[in-house]
Amino acid sequence: IAEKTVRLAITLTKVTGRGLLAALKAGIKTLRVSN
């Protein structure tokens, strides 16, 4: 159970990290377009 919980936490961290990176890239792109 502990091992499964750790795996789930690592997977969620990767997903949110990727989501955060994608959101930052989109934000930078819209700033460039508006400028």
Full PDB file with SEQRES, HELIX, SHEET, SSBOND, CRYST1, ORIGX, SCALE, CONECT and MASTER records, all heavy atoms in Angstrom:
SEQRES   1 A   35  ILE ALA GLU LYS THR VAL ARG LEU ALA ILE THR LEU THR          
SEQRES   2 A   35  LYS VAL THR GLY ARG GLY LEU LEU ALA ALA LEU LYS ALA          
SEQRES   3 A   35  GLY ILE LYS THR LEU ARG VAL SER ASN                          
HELIX    1 AA1 ALA A    2  SER A   34  1                                  33    
CRYST1    1.000    1.000    1.000  90.00  90.00  90.00 P 1           1          
ORIGX1      1.000000  0.000000  0.000000        0.00000                         
ORIGX2      0.000000  1.000000  0.000000        0.00000                         
ORIGX3      0.000000  0.000000  1.000000        0.00000                         
SCALE1      1.000000  0.000000  0.000000        0.00000                         
SCALE2      0.000000  1.000000  0.000000        0.00000                         
SCALE3      0.000000  0.000000  1.000000        0.00000                         
ATOM      1  N   ILE A   1       0.839  -1.201   0.000  1.00  0.00           N  
ATOM      2  CA  ILE A   1       0.000   0.000   0.000  1.00  0.00           C  
ATOM      3  C   ILE A   1       0.874   1.251   0.000  1.00  0.00           C  
ATOM      4  O   ILE A   1       0.627   2.207  -0.725  1.00  0.00           O  
ATOM      5  CB  ILE A   1      -0.958  -0.004   1.205  1.00  0.00           C  
ATOM      6  CG1 ILE A   1      -1.966  -1.162   1.077  1.00  0.00           C  
ATOM      7  CG2 ILE A   1      -1.691   1.323   1.332  1.00  0.00           C  
ATOM      8  CD1 ILE A   1      -2.844  -1.360   2.279  1.00  0.00           C  
ATOM      9  N   ALA A   2       1.927   1.216   0.774  1.00  0.00           N  
ATOM     10  CA  ALA A   2       2.843   2.361   0.826  1.00  0.00           C  
ATOM     11  C   ALA A   2       3.525   2.564  -0.529  1.00  0.00           C  
ATOM     12  O   ALA A   2       3.684   3.701  -1.009  1.00  0.00           O  
ATOM     13  CB  ALA A   2       3.880   2.145   1.936  1.00  0.00           C  
ATOM     14  N   GLU A   3       3.944   1.459  -1.155  1.00  0.00           N  
ATOM     15  CA  GLU A   3       4.596   1.535  -2.466  1.00  0.00           C  
ATOM     16  C   GLU A   3       3.636   2.092  -3.527  1.00  0.00           C  
ATOM     17  O   GLU A   3       4.009   2.957  -4.333  1.00  0.00           O  
ATOM     18  CB  GLU A   3       5.093   0.146  -2.862  1.00  0.00           C  
ATOM     19  CG  GLU A   3       5.996   0.168  -4.078  1.00  0.00           C  
ATOM     20  CD  GLU A   3       6.519  -1.233  -4.383  1.00  0.00           C  
ATOM     21  OE1 GLU A   3       6.753  -2.027  -3.448  1.00  0.00           O  
ATOM     22  OE2 GLU A   3       6.686  -1.500  -5.581  1.00  0.00           O  
ATOM     23  N   LYS A   4       2.387   1.630  -3.526  1.00  0.00           N  
ATOM     24  CA  LYS A   4       1.388   2.129  -4.480  1.00  0.00           C  
ATOM     25  C   LYS A   4       1.104   3.616  -4.250  1.00  0.00           C  
ATOM     26  O   LYS A   4       0.938   4.389  -5.188  1.00  0.00           O  
ATOM     27  CB  LYS A   4       0.093   1.318  -4.381  1.00  0.00           C  
ATOM     28  CG  LYS A   4       0.191  -0.051  -4.964  1.00  0.00           C  
ATOM     29  CD  LYS A   4      -1.142  -0.780  -4.867  1.00  0.00           C  
ATOM     30  CE  LYS A   4      -1.034  -2.187  -5.449  1.00  0.00           C  
ATOM     31  NZ  LYS A   4      -2.292  -2.908  -5.351  1.00  0.00           N  
ATOM     32  N   THR A   5       1.045   4.020  -2.997  1.00  0.00           N  
ATOM     33  CA  THR A   5       0.802   5.420  -2.663  1.00  0.00           C  
ATOM     34  C   THR A   5       1.944   6.303  -3.155  1.00  0.00           C  
ATOM     35  O   THR A   5       1.725   7.387  -3.709  1.00  0.00           O  
ATOM     36  CB  THR A   5       0.639   5.582  -1.133  1.00  0.00           C  
ATOM     37  OG1 THR A   5      -0.349   4.674  -0.676  1.00  0.00           O  
ATOM     38  CG2 THR A   5       0.253   6.998  -0.778  1.00  0.00           C  
ATOM     39  N   VAL A   6       3.173   5.857  -2.998  1.00  0.00           N  
ATOM     40  CA  VAL A   6       4.341   6.617  -3.462  1.00  0.00           C  
ATOM     41  C   VAL A   6       4.319   6.726  -4.983  1.00  0.00           C  
ATOM     42  O   VAL A   6       4.572   7.791  -5.549  1.00  0.00           O  
ATOM     43  CB  VAL A   6       5.656   5.972  -2.949  1.00  0.00           C  
ATOM     44  CG1 VAL A   6       6.873   6.588  -3.619  1.00  0.00           C  
ATOM     45  CG2 VAL A   6       5.747   6.101  -1.443  1.00  0.00           C  
ATOM     46  N   ARG A   7       4.020   5.636  -5.680  1.00  0.00           N  
ATOM     47  CA  ARG A   7       3.933   5.654  -7.160  1.00  0.00           C  
ATOM     48  C   ARG A   7       2.862   6.643  -7.637  1.00  0.00           C  
ATOM     49  O   ARG A   7       3.057   7.385  -8.579  1.00  0.00           O  
ATOM     50  CB  ARG A   7       3.612   4.254  -7.691  1.00  0.00           C  
ATOM     51  CG  ARG A   7       4.786   3.358  -7.723  1.00  0.00           C  
ATOM     52  CD  ARG A   7       4.426   2.086  -8.461  1.00  0.00           C  
ATOM     53  NE  ARG A   7       5.366   1.044  -8.058  1.00  0.00           N  
ATOM     54  CZ  ARG A   7       5.138  -0.239  -8.158  1.00  0.00           C  
ATOM     55  NH1 ARG A   7       3.987  -0.672  -8.630  1.00  0.00           N  
ATOM     56  NH2 ARG A   7       6.049  -1.113  -7.796  1.00  0.00           N  
ATOM     57  N   LEU A   8       1.710   6.616  -6.967  1.00  0.00           N  
ATOM     58  CA  LEU A   8       0.619   7.527  -7.323  1.00  0.00           C  
ATOM     59  C   LEU A   8       1.031   8.985  -7.108  1.00  0.00           C  
ATOM     60  O   LEU A   8       0.766   9.846  -7.961  1.00  0.00           O  
ATOM     61  CB  LEU A   8      -0.632   7.201  -6.486  1.00  0.00           C  
ATOM     62  CG  LEU A   8      -1.863   8.068  -6.757  1.00  0.00           C  
ATOM     63  CD1 LEU A   8      -2.370   7.825  -8.170  1.00  0.00           C  
ATOM     64  CD2 LEU A   8      -2.952   7.767  -5.756  1.00  0.00           C  
ATOM     65  N   ALA A   9       1.714   9.270  -6.041  1.00  0.00           N  
ATOM     66  CA  ALA A   9       2.173  10.635  -5.767  1.00  0.00           C  
ATOM     67  C   ALA A   9       3.182  11.093  -6.814  1.00  0.00           C  
ATOM     68  O   ALA A   9       3.144  12.236  -7.290  1.00  0.00           O  
ATOM     69  CB  ALA A   9       2.783  10.711  -4.364  1.00  0.00           C  
ATOM     70  N   ILE A  10       4.089  10.208  -7.206  1.00  0.00           N  
ATOM     71  CA  ILE A  10       5.092  10.550  -8.234  1.00  0.00           C  
ATOM     72  C   ILE A  10       4.402  10.808  -9.568  1.00  0.00           C  
ATOM     73  O   ILE A  10       4.713  11.777 -10.271  1.00  0.00           O  
ATOM     74  CB  ILE A  10       6.151   9.430  -8.339  1.00  0.00           C  
ATOM     75  CG1 ILE A  10       7.008   9.403  -7.070  1.00  0.00           C  
ATOM     76  CG2 ILE A  10       7.024   9.631  -9.561  1.00  0.00           C  
ATOM     77  CD1 ILE A  10       7.948   8.205  -6.992  1.00  0.00           C  
ATOM     78  N   THR A  11       3.447   9.975  -9.959  1.00  0.00           N  
ATOM     79  CA  THR A  11       2.722  10.139 -11.225  1.00  0.00           C  
ATOM     80  C   THR A  11       1.954  11.458 -11.242  1.00  0.00           C  
ATOM     81  O   THR A  11       1.980  12.188 -12.240  1.00  0.00           O  
ATOM     82  CB  THR A  11       1.747   8.963 -11.438  1.00  0.00           C  
ATOM     83  OG1 THR A  11       2.464   7.737 -11.315  1.00  0.00           O  
ATOM     84  CG2 THR A  11       1.101   9.045 -12.805  1.00  0.00           C  
ATOM     85  N   LEU A  12       1.270  11.770 -10.154  1.00  0.00           N  
ATOM     86  CA  LEU A  12       0.516  13.028 -10.084  1.00  0.00           C  
ATOM     87  C   LEU A  12       1.438  14.239 -10.148  1.00  0.00           C  
ATOM     88  O   LEU A  12       1.103  15.251 -10.755  1.00  0.00           O  
ATOM     89  CB  LEU A  12      -0.337  13.063  -8.809  1.00  0.00           C  
ATOM     90  CG  LEU A  12      -1.537  12.126  -8.774  1.00  0.00           C  
ATOM     91  CD1 LEU A  12      -2.219  12.184  -7.411  1.00  0.00           C  
ATOM     92  CD2 LEU A  12      -2.515  12.501  -9.869  1.00  0.00           C  
ATOM     93  N   THR A  13       2.595  14.137  -9.550  1.00  0.00           N  
ATOM     94  CA  THR A  13       3.564  15.237  -9.582  1.00  0.00           C  
ATOM     95  C   THR A  13       4.039  15.467 -11.007  1.00  0.00           C  
ATOM     96  O   THR A  13       4.165  16.609 -11.456  1.00  0.00           O  
ATOM     97  CB  THR A  13       4.763  14.938  -8.667  1.00  0.00           C  
ATOM     98  OG1 THR A  13       4.288  14.638  -7.366  1.00  0.00           O  
ATOM     99  CG2 THR A  13       5.710  16.109  -8.618  1.00  0.00           C  
ATOM    100  N   LYS A  14       4.287  14.395 -11.755  1.00  0.00           N  
ATOM    101  CA  LYS A  14       4.719  14.525 -13.154  1.00  0.00           C  
ATOM    102  C   LYS A  14       3.632  15.188 -13.991  1.00  0.00           C  
ATOM    103  O   LYS A  14       3.896  16.069 -14.793  1.00  0.00           O  
ATOM    104  CB  LYS A  14       5.059  13.157 -13.737  1.00  0.00           C  
ATOM    105  CG  LYS A  14       6.365  12.597 -13.264  1.00  0.00           C  
ATOM    106  CD  LYS A  14       6.630  11.261 -13.927  1.00  0.00           C  
ATOM    107  CE  LYS A  14       7.913  10.634 -13.424  1.00  0.00           C  
ATOM    108  NZ  LYS A  14       8.133   9.319 -14.038  1.00  0.00           N  
ATOM    109  N   VAL A  15       2.396  14.772 -13.795  1.00  0.00           N  
ATOM    110  CA  VAL A  15       1.280  15.318 -14.567  1.00  0.00           C  
ATOM    111  C   VAL A  15       1.097  16.798 -14.263  1.00  0.00           C  
ATOM    112  O   VAL A  15       0.975  17.615 -15.163  1.00  0.00           O  
ATOM    113  CB  VAL A  15      -0.021  14.524 -14.285  1.00  0.00           C  
ATOM    114  CG1 VAL A  15      -1.212  15.215 -14.890  1.00  0.00           C  
ATOM    115  CG2 VAL A  15       0.109  13.120 -14.824  1.00  0.00           C  
ATOM    116  N   THR A  16       1.096  17.165 -12.999  1.00  0.00           N  
ATOM    117  CA  THR A  16       0.896  18.576 -12.660  1.00  0.00           C  
ATOM    118  C   THR A  16       2.097  19.414 -13.099  1.00  0.00           C  
ATOM    119  O   THR A  16       1.945  20.558 -13.476  1.00  0.00           O  
ATOM    120  CB  THR A  16       0.638  18.750 -11.149  1.00  0.00           C  
ATOM    121  OG1 THR A  16       1.702  18.143 -10.418  1.00  0.00           O  
ATOM    122  CG2 THR A  16      -0.687  18.170 -10.743  1.00  0.00           C  
ATOM    123  N   GLY A  17       3.285  18.849 -13.050  1.00  0.00           N  
ATOM    124  CA  GLY A  17       4.471  19.558 -13.533  1.00  0.00           C  
ATOM    125  C   GLY A  17       4.378  19.835 -15.021  1.00  0.00           C  
ATOM    126  O   GLY A  17       4.664  20.944 -15.492  1.00  0.00           O  
ATOM    127  N   ARG A  18       3.937  18.835 -15.775  1.00  0.00           N  
ATOM    128  CA  ARG A  18       3.764  19.005 -17.224  1.00  0.00           C  
ATOM    129  C   ARG A  18       2.652  20.023 -17.520  1.00  0.00           C  
ATOM    130  O   ARG A  18       2.771  20.849 -18.416  1.00  0.00           O  
ATOM    131  CB  ARG A  18       3.425  17.670 -17.877  1.00  0.00           C  
ATOM    132  CG  ARG A  18       4.577  16.732 -17.939  1.00  0.00           C  
ATOM    133  CD  ARG A  18       4.203  15.443 -18.633  1.00  0.00           C  
ATOM    134  NE  ARG A  18       5.260  14.462 -18.452  1.00  0.00           N  
ATOM    135  CZ  ARG A  18       5.059  13.175 -18.301  1.00  0.00           C  
ATOM    136  NH1 ARG A  18       3.826  12.683 -18.298  1.00  0.00           N  
ATOM    137  NH2 ARG A  18       6.071  12.354 -18.149  1.00  0.00           N  
ATOM    138  N   GLY A  19       1.586  19.930 -16.747  1.00  0.00           N  
ATOM    139  CA  GLY A  19       0.478  20.879 -16.932  1.00  0.00           C  
ATOM    140  C   GLY A  19       0.909  22.303 -16.633  1.00  0.00           C  
ATOM    141  O   GLY A  19       0.565  23.239 -17.354  1.00  0.00           O  
ATOM    142  N   LEU A  20       1.681  22.460 -15.570  1.00  0.00           N  
ATOM    143  CA  LEU A  20       2.182  23.781 -15.209  1.00  0.00           C  
ATOM    144  C   LEU A  20       3.115  24.322 -16.277  1.00  0.00           C  
ATOM    145  O   LEU A  20       3.024  25.499 -16.662  1.00  0.00           O  
ATOM    146  CB  LEU A  20       2.908  23.707 -13.852  1.00  0.00           C  
ATOM    147  CG  LEU A  20       3.460  25.013 -13.306  1.00  0.00           C  
ATOM    148  CD1 LEU A  20       2.312  25.996 -13.047  1.00  0.00           C  
ATOM    149  CD2 LEU A  20       4.249  24.768 -12.036  1.00  0.00           C  
ATOM    150  N   LEU A  21       3.984  23.467 -16.804  1.00  0.00           N  
ATOM    151  CA  LEU A  21       4.898  23.885 -17.869  1.00  0.00           C  
ATOM    152  C   LEU A  21       4.125  24.288 -19.129  1.00  0.00           C  
ATOM    153  O   LEU A  21       4.431  25.306 -19.750  1.00  0.00           O  
ATOM    154  CB  LEU A  21       5.878  22.751 -18.180  1.00  0.00           C  
ATOM    155  CG  LEU A  21       6.948  23.046 -19.217  1.00  0.00           C  
ATOM    156  CD1 LEU A  21       7.860  24.161 -18.712  1.00  0.00           C  
ATOM    157  CD2 LEU A  21       7.746  21.802 -19.529  1.00  0.00           C  
ATOM    158  N   ALA A  22       3.108  23.513 -19.480  1.00  0.00           N  
ATOM    159  CA  ALA A  22       2.291  23.846 -20.661  1.00  0.00           C  
ATOM    160  C   ALA A  22       1.554  25.168 -20.461  1.00  0.00           C  
ATOM    161  O   ALA A  22       1.464  25.983 -21.381  1.00  0.00           O  
ATOM    162  CB  ALA A  22       1.294  22.726 -20.935  1.00  0.00           C  
ATOM    163  N   ALA A  23       1.040  25.396 -19.258  1.00  0.00           N  
ATOM    164  CA  ALA A  23       0.330  26.644 -18.978  1.00  0.00           C  
ATOM    165  C   ALA A  23       1.282  27.839 -19.062  1.00  0.00           C  
ATOM    166  O   ALA A  23       0.927  28.891 -19.604  1.00  0.00           O  
ATOM    167  CB  ALA A  23      -0.317  26.580 -17.601  1.00  0.00           C  
ATOM    168  N   LEU A  24       2.489  27.689 -18.539  1.00  0.00           N  
ATOM    169  CA  LEU A  24       3.482  28.772 -18.624  1.00  0.00           C  
ATOM    170  C   LEU A  24       3.860  29.069 -20.072  1.00  0.00           C  
ATOM    171  O   LEU A  24       3.977  30.229 -20.476  1.00  0.00           O  
ATOM    172  CB  LEU A  24       4.731  28.415 -17.808  1.00  0.00           C  
ATOM    173  CG  LEU A  24       4.575  28.474 -16.287  1.00  0.00           C  
ATOM    174  CD1 LEU A  24       5.829  27.941 -15.604  1.00  0.00           C  
ATOM    175  CD2 LEU A  24       4.295  29.894 -15.847  1.00  0.00           C  
ATOM    176  N   LYS A  25       4.051  28.027 -20.865  1.00  0.00           N  
ATOM    177  CA  LYS A  25       4.381  28.224 -22.288  1.00  0.00           C  
ATOM    178  C   LYS A  25       3.251  28.954 -23.010  1.00  0.00           C  
ATOM    179  O   LYS A  25       3.485  29.852 -23.814  1.00  0.00           O  
ATOM    180  CB  LYS A  25       4.644  26.881 -22.966  1.00  0.00           C  
ATOM    181  CG  LYS A  25       5.990  26.303 -22.649  1.00  0.00           C  
ATOM    182  CD  LYS A  25       6.211  25.001 -23.400  1.00  0.00           C  
ATOM    183  CE  LYS A  25       7.573  24.412 -23.090  1.00  0.00           C  
ATOM    184  NZ  LYS A  25       7.790  23.133 -23.800  1.00  0.00           N  
ATOM    185  N   ALA A  26       2.007  28.571 -22.730  1.00  0.00           N  
ATOM    186  CA  ALA A  26       0.859  29.232 -23.362  1.00  0.00           C  
ATOM    187  C   ALA A  26       0.780  30.694 -22.939  1.00  0.00           C  
ATOM    188  O   ALA A  26       0.488  31.572 -23.753  1.00  0.00           O  
ATOM    189  CB  ALA A  26      -0.434  28.497 -23.009  1.00  0.00           C  
ATOM    190  N   GLY A  27       1.037  30.966 -21.669  1.00  0.00           N  
ATOM    191  CA  GLY A  27       1.017  32.352 -21.182  1.00  0.00           C  
ATOM    192  C   GLY A  27       2.074  33.205 -21.852  1.00  0.00           C  
ATOM    193  O   GLY A  27       1.818  34.346 -22.249  1.00  0.00           O  
ATOM    194  N   ILE A  28       3.274  32.666 -21.994  1.00  0.00           N  
ATOM    195  CA  ILE A  28       4.362  33.406 -22.654  1.00  0.00           C  
ATOM    196  C   ILE A  28       4.015  33.656 -24.114  1.00  0.00           C  
ATOM    197  O   ILE A  28       4.258  34.740 -24.649  1.00  0.00           O  
ATOM    198  CB  ILE A  28       5.685  32.639 -22.515  1.00  0.00           C  
ATOM    199  CG1 ILE A  28       6.155  32.687 -21.062  1.00  0.00           C  
ATOM    200  CG2 ILE A  28       6.752  33.209 -23.430  1.00  0.00           C  
ATOM    201  CD1 ILE A  28       7.325  31.771 -20.763  1.00  0.00           C  
ATOM    202  N   LYS A  29       3.412  32.664 -24.758  1.00  0.00           N  
ATOM    203  CA  LYS A  29       3.042  32.814 -26.169  1.00  0.00           C  
ATOM    204  C   LYS A  29       2.005  33.917 -26.357  1.00  0.00           C  
ATOM    205  O   LYS A  29       2.115  34.727 -27.270  1.00  0.00           O  
ATOM    206  CB  LYS A  29       2.499  31.488 -26.696  1.00  0.00           C  
ATOM    207  CG  LYS A  29       2.263  31.466 -28.176  1.00  0.00           C  
ATOM    208  CD  LYS A  29       1.821  30.087 -28.642  1.00  0.00           C  
ATOM    209  CE  LYS A  29       1.649  30.057 -30.134  1.00  0.00           C  
ATOM    210  NZ  LYS A  29       1.227  28.730 -30.611  1.00  0.00           N  
ATOM    211  N   THR A  30       1.008  33.985 -25.476  1.00  0.00           N  
ATOM    212  CA  THR A  30      -0.007  35.037 -25.607  1.00  0.00           C  
ATOM    213  C   THR A  30       0.589  36.415 -25.332  1.00  0.00           C  
ATOM    214  O   THR A  30       0.188  37.392 -25.953  1.00  0.00           O  
ATOM    215  CB  THR A  30      -1.187  34.804 -24.646  1.00  0.00           C  
ATOM    216  OG1 THR A  30      -0.694  34.692 -23.311  1.00  0.00           O  
ATOM    217  CG2 THR A  30      -1.973  33.566 -25.022  1.00  0.00           C  
ATOM    218  N   LEU A  31       1.547  36.500 -24.427  1.00  0.00           N  
ATOM    219  CA  LEU A  31       2.213  37.787 -24.190  1.00  0.00           C  
ATOM    220  C   LEU A  31       2.977  38.247 -25.418  1.00  0.00           C  
ATOM    221  O   LEU A  31       2.945  39.420 -25.776  1.00  0.00           O  
ATOM    222  CB  LEU A  31       3.163  37.687 -22.991  1.00  0.00           C  
ATOM    223  CG  LEU A  31       2.519  37.660 -21.616  1.00  0.00           C  
ATOM    224  CD1 LEU A  31       3.569  37.426 -20.545  1.00  0.00           C  
ATOM    225  CD2 LEU A  31       1.779  38.956 -21.364  1.00  0.00           C  
ATOM    226  N   ARG A  32       3.652  37.324 -26.077  1.00  0.00           N  
ATOM    227  CA  ARG A  32       4.392  37.678 -27.299  1.00  0.00           C  
ATOM    228  C   ARG A  32       3.448  38.152 -28.392  1.00  0.00           C  
ATOM    229  O   ARG A  32       3.708  39.134 -29.068  1.00  0.00           O  
ATOM    230  CB  ARG A  32       5.188  36.481 -27.796  1.00  0.00           C  
ATOM    231  CG  ARG A  32       6.428  36.219 -27.021  1.00  0.00           C  
ATOM    232  CD  ARG A  32       7.205  35.101 -27.640  1.00  0.00           C  
ATOM    233  NE  ARG A  32       8.313  34.711 -26.790  1.00  0.00           N  
ATOM    234  CZ  ARG A  32       8.922  33.553 -26.873  1.00  0.00           C  
ATOM    235  NH1 ARG A  32       8.543  32.650 -27.764  1.00  0.00           N  
ATOM    236  NH2 ARG A  32       9.925  33.276 -26.071  1.00  0.00           N  
ATOM    237  N   VAL A  33       2.340  37.438 -28.567  1.00  0.00           N  
ATOM    238  CA  VAL A  33       1.370  37.809 -29.606  1.00  0.00           C  
ATOM    239  C   VAL A  33       0.782  39.175 -29.318  1.00  0.00           C  
ATOM    240  O   VAL A  33       0.666  40.016 -30.213  1.00  0.00           O  
ATOM    241  CB  VAL A  33       0.255  36.734 -29.719  1.00  0.00           C  
ATOM    242  CG1 VAL A  33      -0.877  37.209 -30.587  1.00  0.00           C  
ATOM    243  CG2 VAL A  33       0.840  35.447 -30.260  1.00  0.00           C  
ATOM    244  N   SER A  34       0.430  39.452 -28.057  1.00  0.00           N  
ATOM    245  CA  SER A  34      -0.173  40.745 -27.738  1.00  0.00           C  
ATOM    246  C   SER A  34       0.835  41.871 -27.906  1.00  0.00           C  
ATOM    247  O   SER A  34       0.483  42.970 -28.308  1.00  0.00           O  
ATOM    248  CB  SER A  34      -0.744  40.745 -26.324  1.00  0.00           C  
ATOM    249  OG  SER A  34       0.293  40.603 -25.377  1.00  0.00           O  
ATOM    250  N   ASN A  35       2.108  41.631 -27.613  1.00  0.00           N  
ATOM    251  CA  ASN A  35       3.130  42.655 -27.821  1.00  0.00           C  
ATOM    252  C   ASN A  35       3.385  42.894 -29.297  1.00  0.00           C  
ATOM    253  O   ASN A  35       3.672  44.012 -29.714  1.00  0.00           O  
ATOM    254  CB  ASN A  35       4.445  42.259 -27.127  1.00  0.00           C  
ATOM    255  CG  ASN A  35       4.364  42.420 -25.632  1.00  0.00           C  
ATOM    256  OD1 ASN A  35       3.513  43.140 -25.141  1.00  0.00           O  
ATOM    257  ND2 ASN A  35       5.237  41.737 -24.908  1.00  0.00           N  
TER     258      ASN A  35                                                      
MASTER        0    0    0    1    0    0    0    6  257    1    0    3          
END                                                                             
